[in-house]
Amino acid sequence: MMFFVVALGLLVHVLFWGAGLAALAMPRPWRRFWPVLTMVAGFTLQSLVVWLGAYANLRGTNSYAWASEAVPLVLLVVAGIRRGGKQLISDASRFGVLAAVMVGGLMLLVLPMAIASRGLTTTSLGSCDAADYAAGARVFMEFAHTDRGGFLGLTEVVRIASVDNFFDFWLRLNHFTPSALIALNGTSSIARRTS
């Protein structure tokens, strides 16, 4: 059961991140179709916030995850003021079937993990991606971009081809967006559970 609750929570969180940006960014002729862009806008905005946080030398998403929740909230308020709250709700209500398909698809994707495991876990379905993302997310959660002595940050340990430290490996070469989203969503949910 916990798998489904967490998956739905993450879906709602990404939709919250994207709603305001999608409503503001949709060109005028198609403005009433803004809900179609909500998921993409949510992923994009989350990734951008983590990227900016990394280059601002903030300690890691653990240090700004909750404060960053103001970004989508402000965008949603601005969209509500510009377009009108009732209009946004009306536009979103037209996509109820799409929302149901999204939730149904998510539940079907989560079902095999819920059946196979006793609790939440990082899974890898035959590849190393889950471990890669988890390692990158750990770096983003806890360490600043300029931290050269932290988690696997020692240059003599991680000297790899064109970068000499693990943080730069994640920022420049590897799967930045998935690990950024794992880091930001993970720190937000960790903070909720520990408070």
C-alpha atoms as a PDB file:
ATOM      1  CA  MET A   1       0.000   0.000   0.000  1.00  0.00           C
ATOM      2  CA  MET A   2       2.842   2.395   0.819  1.00  0.00           C
ATOM      3  CA  PHE A   3       4.149   2.134  -2.772  1.00  0.00           C
ATOM      4  CA  PHE A   4       0.885   3.550  -4.119  1.00  0.00           C
ATOM      5  CA  VAL A   5       0.706   6.348  -1.544  1.00  0.00           C
ATOM      6  CA  VAL A   6       4.299   7.432  -2.267  1.00  0.00           C
ATOM      7  CA  ALA A   7       3.828   7.209  -6.048  1.00  0.00           C
ATOM      8  CA  LEU A   8       0.655   9.305  -5.901  1.00  0.00           C
ATOM      9  CA  GLY A   9       2.354  11.780  -3.581  1.00  0.00           C
ATOM     10  CA  LEU A  10       5.256  12.206  -6.017  1.00  0.00           C
ATOM     11  CA  LEU A  11       2.842  12.621  -8.924  1.00  0.00           C
ATOM     12  CA  VAL A  12       0.898  15.325  -7.078  1.00  0.00           C
ATOM     13  CA  HIS A  13       4.170  17.003  -6.086  1.00  0.00           C
ATOM     14  CA  VAL A  14       5.411  17.142  -9.699  1.00  0.00           C
ATOM     15  CA  LEU A  15       2.019  18.415 -10.904  1.00  0.00           C
ATOM     16  CA  PHE A  16       2.109  21.115  -8.206  1.00  0.00           C
ATOM     17  CA  TRP A  17       5.568  22.157  -9.416  1.00  0.00           C
ATOM     18  CA  GLY A  18       4.407  22.391 -13.016  1.00  0.00           C
ATOM     19  CA  ALA A  19       0.902  23.876 -12.789  1.00  0.00           C
ATOM     20  CA  GLY A  20       1.819  27.546 -12.490  1.00  0.00           C
ATOM     21  CA  LEU A  21       4.634  27.414 -15.026  1.00  0.00           C
ATOM     22  CA  ALA A  22       2.464  25.538 -17.548  1.00  0.00           C
ATOM     23  CA  ALA A  23      -0.412  28.012 -17.164  1.00  0.00           C
ATOM     24  CA  LEU A  24       1.930  30.977 -17.637  1.00  0.00           C
ATOM     25  CA  ALA A  25       4.026  29.519 -20.465  1.00  0.00           C
ATOM     26  CA  MET A  26       1.254  28.185 -22.708  1.00  0.00           C
ATOM     27  CA  PRO A  27       0.879  30.458 -25.780  1.00  0.00           C
ATOM     28  CA  ARG A  28      -2.368  32.444 -25.964  1.00  0.00           C
ATOM     29  CA  PRO A  29      -4.122  30.464 -28.758  1.00  0.00           C
ATOM     30  CA  TRP A  30      -3.805  27.232 -26.777  1.00  0.00           C
ATOM     31  CA  ARG A  31      -3.979  28.710 -23.266  1.00  0.00           C
ATOM     32  CA  ARG A  32      -6.892  26.535 -22.116  1.00  0.00           C
ATOM     33  CA  PHE A  33      -4.788  23.414 -22.798  1.00  0.00           C
ATOM     34  CA  TRP A  34      -2.107  24.298 -20.234  1.00  0.00           C
ATOM     35  CA  PRO A  35      -2.745  21.140 -18.128  1.00  0.00           C
ATOM     36  CA  VAL A  36      -1.136  19.073 -20.914  1.00  0.00           C
ATOM     37  CA  LEU A  37       2.234  20.704 -20.117  1.00  0.00           C
ATOM     38  CA  THR A  38       1.994  20.417 -16.343  1.00  0.00           C
ATOM     39  CA  MET A  39       4.075  17.253 -15.922  1.00  0.00           C
ATOM     40  CA  VAL A  40       6.862  18.403 -18.256  1.00  0.00           C
ATOM     41  CA  ALA A  41       6.895  21.848 -16.652  1.00  0.00           C
ATOM     42  CA  GLY A  42       7.133  20.273 -13.194  1.00  0.00           C
ATOM     43  CA  PHE A  43      10.142  18.142 -14.092  1.00  0.00           C
ATOM     44  CA  THR A  44      11.804  21.058 -15.866  1.00  0.00           C
ATOM     45  CA  LEU A  45      11.306  23.505 -13.004  1.00  0.00           C
ATOM     46  CA  GLN A  46      12.485  21.030 -10.364  1.00  0.00           C
ATOM     47  CA  SER A  47      15.603  20.242 -12.354  1.00  0.00           C
ATOM     48  CA  LEU A  48      16.301  23.942 -12.918  1.00  0.00           C
ATOM     49  CA  VAL A  49      15.966  24.711  -9.203  1.00  0.00           C
ATOM     50  CA  VAL A  50      18.423  21.950  -8.260  1.00  0.00           C
ATOM     51  CA  TRP A  51      20.825  23.028 -11.006  1.00  0.00           C
ATOM     52  CA  LEU A  52      20.755  26.639  -9.783  1.00  0.00           C
ATOM     53  CA  GLY A  53      21.112  25.476  -6.185  1.00  0.00           C
ATOM     54  CA  ALA A  54      24.140  23.420  -7.140  1.00  0.00           C
ATOM     55  CA  TYR A  55      25.850  26.306  -8.907  1.00  0.00           C
ATOM     56  CA  ALA A  56      24.942  28.758  -6.136  1.00  0.00           C
ATOM     57  CA  ASN A  57      27.137  26.593  -3.876  1.00  0.00           C
ATOM     58  CA  LEU A  58      24.271  25.802  -1.532  1.00  0.00           C
ATOM     59  CA  ARG A  59      25.108  22.909   0.734  1.00  0.00           C
ATOM     60  CA  GLY A  60      22.731  20.519  -1.051  1.00  0.00           C
ATOM     61  CA  THR A  61      19.010  20.078  -1.579  1.00  0.00           C
ATOM     62  CA  ASN A  62      18.692  19.165   2.103  1.00  0.00           C
ATOM     63  CA  SER A  63      19.467  22.816   2.825  1.00  0.00           C
ATOM     64  CA  TYR A  64      16.880  24.375   0.480  1.00  0.00           C
ATOM     65  CA  ALA A  65      14.269  21.741  -0.451  1.00  0.00           C
ATOM     66  CA  TRP A  66      11.478  23.249   1.647  1.00  0.00           C
ATOM     67  CA  ALA A  67      12.329  26.837   0.749  1.00  0.00           C
ATOM     68  CA  SER A  68      12.282  25.918  -2.950  1.00  0.00           C
ATOM     69  CA  GLU A  69       8.617  24.879  -2.638  1.00  0.00           C
ATOM     70  CA  ALA A  70       7.869  28.626  -2.732  1.00  0.00           C
ATOM     71  CA  VAL A  71       8.932  28.747  -6.409  1.00  0.00           C
ATOM     72  CA  PRO A  72       5.986  26.727  -7.812  1.00  0.00           C
ATOM     73  CA  LEU A  73       3.629  28.283  -5.269  1.00  0.00           C
ATOM     74  CA  VAL A  74       4.507  31.814  -6.411  1.00  0.00           C
ATOM     75  CA  LEU A  75       4.125  30.789 -10.073  1.00  0.00           C
ATOM     76  CA  LEU A  76       0.725  29.250  -9.317  1.00  0.00           C
ATOM     77  CA  VAL A  77      -0.436  32.401  -7.500  1.00  0.00           C
ATOM     78  CA  VAL A  78       0.761  34.598 -10.384  1.00  0.00           C
ATOM     79  CA  ALA A  79      -1.048  32.329 -12.871  1.00  0.00           C
ATOM     80  CA  GLY A  80      -4.178  32.496 -10.729  1.00  0.00           C
ATOM     81  CA  ILE A  81      -4.038  36.297 -10.651  1.00  0.00           C
ATOM     82  CA  ARG A  82      -3.361  36.633 -14.389  1.00  0.00           C
ATOM     83  CA  ARG A  83      -5.811  34.037 -15.634  1.00  0.00           C
ATOM     84  CA  GLY A  84      -8.251  33.869 -12.741  1.00  0.00           C
ATOM     85  CA  GLY A  85      -8.503  30.990 -10.311  1.00  0.00           C
ATOM     86  CA  LYS A  86     -11.899  29.871 -11.623  1.00  0.00           C
ATOM     87  CA  GLN A  87     -10.567  29.772 -15.181  1.00  0.00           C
ATOM     88  CA  LEU A  88      -7.573  27.636 -14.152  1.00  0.00           C
ATOM     89  CA  ILE A  89      -9.855  25.191 -12.331  1.00  0.00           C
ATOM     90  CA  SER A  90     -12.196  25.087 -15.315  1.00  0.00           C
ATOM     91  CA  ASP A  91      -9.303  24.389 -17.689  1.00  0.00           C
ATOM     92  CA  ALA A  92      -7.929  21.659 -15.424  1.00  0.00           C
ATOM     93  CA  SER A  93     -11.336  19.993 -15.020  1.00  0.00           C
ATOM     94  CA  ARG A  94     -11.475  19.339 -18.773  1.00  0.00           C
ATOM     95  CA  PHE A  95      -8.568  16.954 -18.383  1.00  0.00           C
ATOM     96  CA  GLY A  96     -10.124  14.634 -15.799  1.00  0.00           C
ATOM     97  CA  VAL A  97      -9.933  11.632 -18.126  1.00  0.00           C
ATOM     98  CA  LEU A  98      -6.255  12.342 -18.811  1.00  0.00           C
ATOM     99  CA  ALA A  99      -5.618  12.570 -15.066  1.00  0.00           C
ATOM    100  CA  ALA A 100      -7.384   9.250 -14.501  1.00  0.00           C
ATOM    101  CA  VAL A 101      -5.301   7.593 -17.236  1.00  0.00           C
ATOM    102  CA  MET A 102      -2.130   9.019 -15.666  1.00  0.00           C
ATOM    103  CA  VAL A 103      -3.016   7.717 -12.216  1.00  0.00           C
ATOM    104  CA  GLY A 104      -4.065   4.339 -13.633  1.00  0.00           C
ATOM    105  CA  GLY A 105      -0.832   4.013 -15.602  1.00  0.00           C
ATOM    106  CA  LEU A 106       1.207   4.945 -12.553  1.00  0.00           C
ATOM    107  CA  MET A 107      -0.580   2.337 -10.445  1.00  0.00           C
ATOM    108  CA  LEU A 108       0.111  -0.337 -13.076  1.00  0.00           C
ATOM    109  CA  LEU A 109       3.796   0.612 -13.136  1.00  0.00           C
ATOM    110  CA  VAL A 110       4.044   0.471  -9.351  1.00  0.00           C
ATOM    111  CA  LEU A 111       2.079  -2.779  -8.959  1.00  0.00           C
ATOM    112  CA  PRO A 112       4.960  -5.201  -9.739  1.00  0.00           C
ATOM    113  CA  MET A 113       7.201  -3.499  -7.161  1.00  0.00           C
ATOM    114  CA  ALA A 114       4.424  -3.520  -4.581  1.00  0.00           C
ATOM    115  CA  ILE A 115       3.916  -7.259  -5.137  1.00  0.00           C
ATOM    116  CA  ALA A 116       7.630  -8.134  -5.160  1.00  0.00           C
ATOM    117  CA  SER A 117       8.828  -6.138  -2.178  1.00  0.00           C
ATOM    118  CA  ARG A 118       7.905  -5.842   1.481  1.00  0.00           C
ATOM    119  CA  GLY A 119       8.771  -2.153   1.631  1.00  0.00           C
ATOM    120  CA  LEU A 120      10.030   0.824  -0.305  1.00  0.00           C
ATOM    121  CA  THR A 121      13.377   0.195  -1.934  1.00  0.00           C
ATOM    122  CA  THR A 122      15.552   1.325  -4.822  1.00  0.00           C
ATOM    123  CA  THR A 123      15.084  -1.173  -7.627  1.00  0.00           C
ATOM    124  CA  SER A 124      17.200  -1.782 -10.668  1.00  0.00           C
ATOM    125  CA  LEU A 125      15.274  -4.092 -13.013  1.00  0.00           C
ATOM    126  CA  GLY A 126      18.446  -5.504 -14.548  1.00  0.00           C
ATOM    127  CA  SER A 127      20.496  -2.323 -14.993  1.00  0.00           C
ATOM    128  CA  CYS A 128      22.651   0.006 -12.953  1.00  0.00           C
ATOM    129  CA  ASP A 129      20.470   3.099 -13.438  1.00  0.00           C
ATOM    130  CA  ALA A 130      18.781   2.939 -10.041  1.00  0.00           C
ATOM    131  CA  ALA A 131      22.126   2.788  -8.255  1.00  0.00           C
ATOM    132  CA  ASP A 132      23.489   5.594 -10.466  1.00  0.00           C
ATOM    133  CA  TYR A 133      20.539   7.844  -9.729  1.00  0.00           C
ATOM    134  CA  ALA A 134      20.662   7.078  -6.026  1.00  0.00           C
ATOM    135  CA  ALA A 135      24.370   7.922  -5.857  1.00  0.00           C
ATOM    136  CA  GLY A 136      23.888  11.170  -7.773  1.00  0.00           C
ATOM    137  CA  ALA A 137      20.901  12.110  -5.655  1.00  0.00           C
ATOM    138  CA  ARG A 138      22.929  11.520  -2.489  1.00  0.00           C
ATOM    139  CA  VAL A 139      25.598  13.912  -3.756  1.00  0.00           C
ATOM    140  CA  PHE A 140      23.004  16.556  -4.651  1.00  0.00           C
ATOM    141  CA  MET A 141      21.199  16.160  -1.331  1.00  0.00           C
ATOM    142  CA  GLU A 142      24.181  16.661   0.911  1.00  0.00           C
ATOM    143  CA  PHE A 143      27.065  18.446  -0.749  1.00  0.00           C
ATOM    144  CA  ALA A 144      27.824  21.786  -2.343  1.00  0.00           C
ATOM    145  CA  HIS A 145      29.176  22.058  -5.878  1.00  0.00           C
ATOM    146  CA  THR A 146      32.514  23.293  -4.541  1.00  0.00           C
ATOM    147  CA  ASP A 147      32.839  20.571  -1.895  1.00  0.00           C
ATOM    148  CA  ARG A 148      35.899  18.566  -2.926  1.00  0.00           C
ATOM    149  CA  GLY A 149      36.331  16.497   0.201  1.00  0.00           C
ATOM    150  CA  GLY A 150      32.872  15.073   0.785  1.00  0.00           C
ATOM    151  CA  PHE A 151      31.094  11.885  -0.259  1.00  0.00           C
ATOM    152  CA  LEU A 152      33.351  10.362  -2.929  1.00  0.00           C
ATOM    153  CA  GLY A 153      34.639  13.821  -3.690  1.00  0.00           C
ATOM    154  CA  LEU A 154      38.287  13.002  -3.196  1.00  0.00           C
ATOM    155  CA  THR A 155      40.029  13.535  -6.509  1.00  0.00           C
ATOM    156  CA  GLU A 156      42.344  10.580  -6.054  1.00  0.00           C
ATOM    157  CA  VAL A 157      39.321   8.308  -5.559  1.00  0.00           C
ATOM    158  CA  VAL A 158      37.132   9.453  -8.429  1.00  0.00           C
ATOM    159  CA  ARG A 159      39.478  10.730 -11.145  1.00  0.00           C
ATOM    160  CA  ILE A 160      37.417   9.867 -14.218  1.00  0.00           C
ATOM    161  CA  ALA A 161      38.247  10.917 -17.769  1.00  0.00           C
ATOM    162  CA  SER A 162      37.300  14.585 -18.135  1.00  0.00           C
ATOM    163  CA  VAL A 163      36.303  15.468 -14.562  1.00  0.00           C
ATOM    164  CA  ASP A 164      38.166  14.892 -11.346  1.00  0.00           C
ATOM    165  CA  ASN A 165      35.382  14.781  -8.829  1.00  0.00           C
ATOM    166  CA  PHE A 166      32.097  13.023  -8.314  1.00  0.00           C
ATOM    167  CA  PHE A 167      29.922  16.134  -8.052  1.00  0.00           C
ATOM    168  CA  ASP A 168      31.147  17.407 -11.437  1.00  0.00           C
ATOM    169  CA  PHE A 169      30.594  13.938 -12.870  1.00  0.00           C
ATOM    170  CA  TRP A 170      26.914  14.301 -11.998  1.00  0.00           C
ATOM    171  CA  LEU A 171      26.557  17.927 -13.071  1.00  0.00           C
ATOM    172  CA  ARG A 172      28.394  17.636 -16.380  1.00  0.00           C
ATOM    173  CA  LEU A 173      28.437  14.089 -17.646  1.00  0.00           C
ATOM    174  CA  ASN A 174      25.812  11.785 -16.236  1.00  0.00           C
ATOM    175  CA  HIS A 175      22.052  11.546 -15.648  1.00  0.00           C
ATOM    176  CA  PHE A 176      21.574  14.964 -14.109  1.00  0.00           C
ATOM    177  CA  THR A 177      17.800  15.390 -14.315  1.00  0.00           C
ATOM    178  CA  PRO A 178      16.676  12.069 -12.763  1.00  0.00           C
ATOM    179  CA  SER A 179      19.133  12.378  -9.901  1.00  0.00           C
ATOM    180  CA  ALA A 180      18.199  16.033  -9.377  1.00  0.00           C
ATOM    181  CA  LEU A 181      14.525  15.117  -9.100  1.00  0.00           C
ATOM    182  CA  ILE A 182      15.276  12.220  -6.764  1.00  0.00           C
ATOM    183  CA  ALA A 183      17.330  14.561  -4.595  1.00  0.00           C
ATOM    184  CA  LEU A 184      14.746  17.330  -4.407  1.00  0.00           C
ATOM    185  CA  ASN A 185      11.734  15.055  -3.957  1.00  0.00           C
ATOM    186  CA  GLY A 186      13.690  12.910  -1.521  1.00  0.00           C
ATOM    187  CA  THR A 187      14.719  15.799   0.698  1.00  0.00           C
ATOM    188  CA  SER A 188      11.184  17.196   0.722  1.00  0.00           C
ATOM    189  CA  SER A 189       9.745  13.828   1.795  1.00  0.00           C
ATOM    190  CA  ILE A 190      12.552  13.169   4.295  1.00  0.00           C
ATOM    191  CA  ALA A 191      11.952  16.538   5.918  1.00  0.00           C
ATOM    192  CA  ARG A 192       8.232  15.734   6.174  1.00  0.00           C
ATOM    193  CA  ARG A 193       8.884  12.405   7.861  1.00  0.00           C
ATOM    194  CA  THR A 194      11.439  13.751  10.333  1.00  0.00           C
ATOM    195  CA  SER A 195       9.463  16.832  11.383  1.00  0.00           C
END
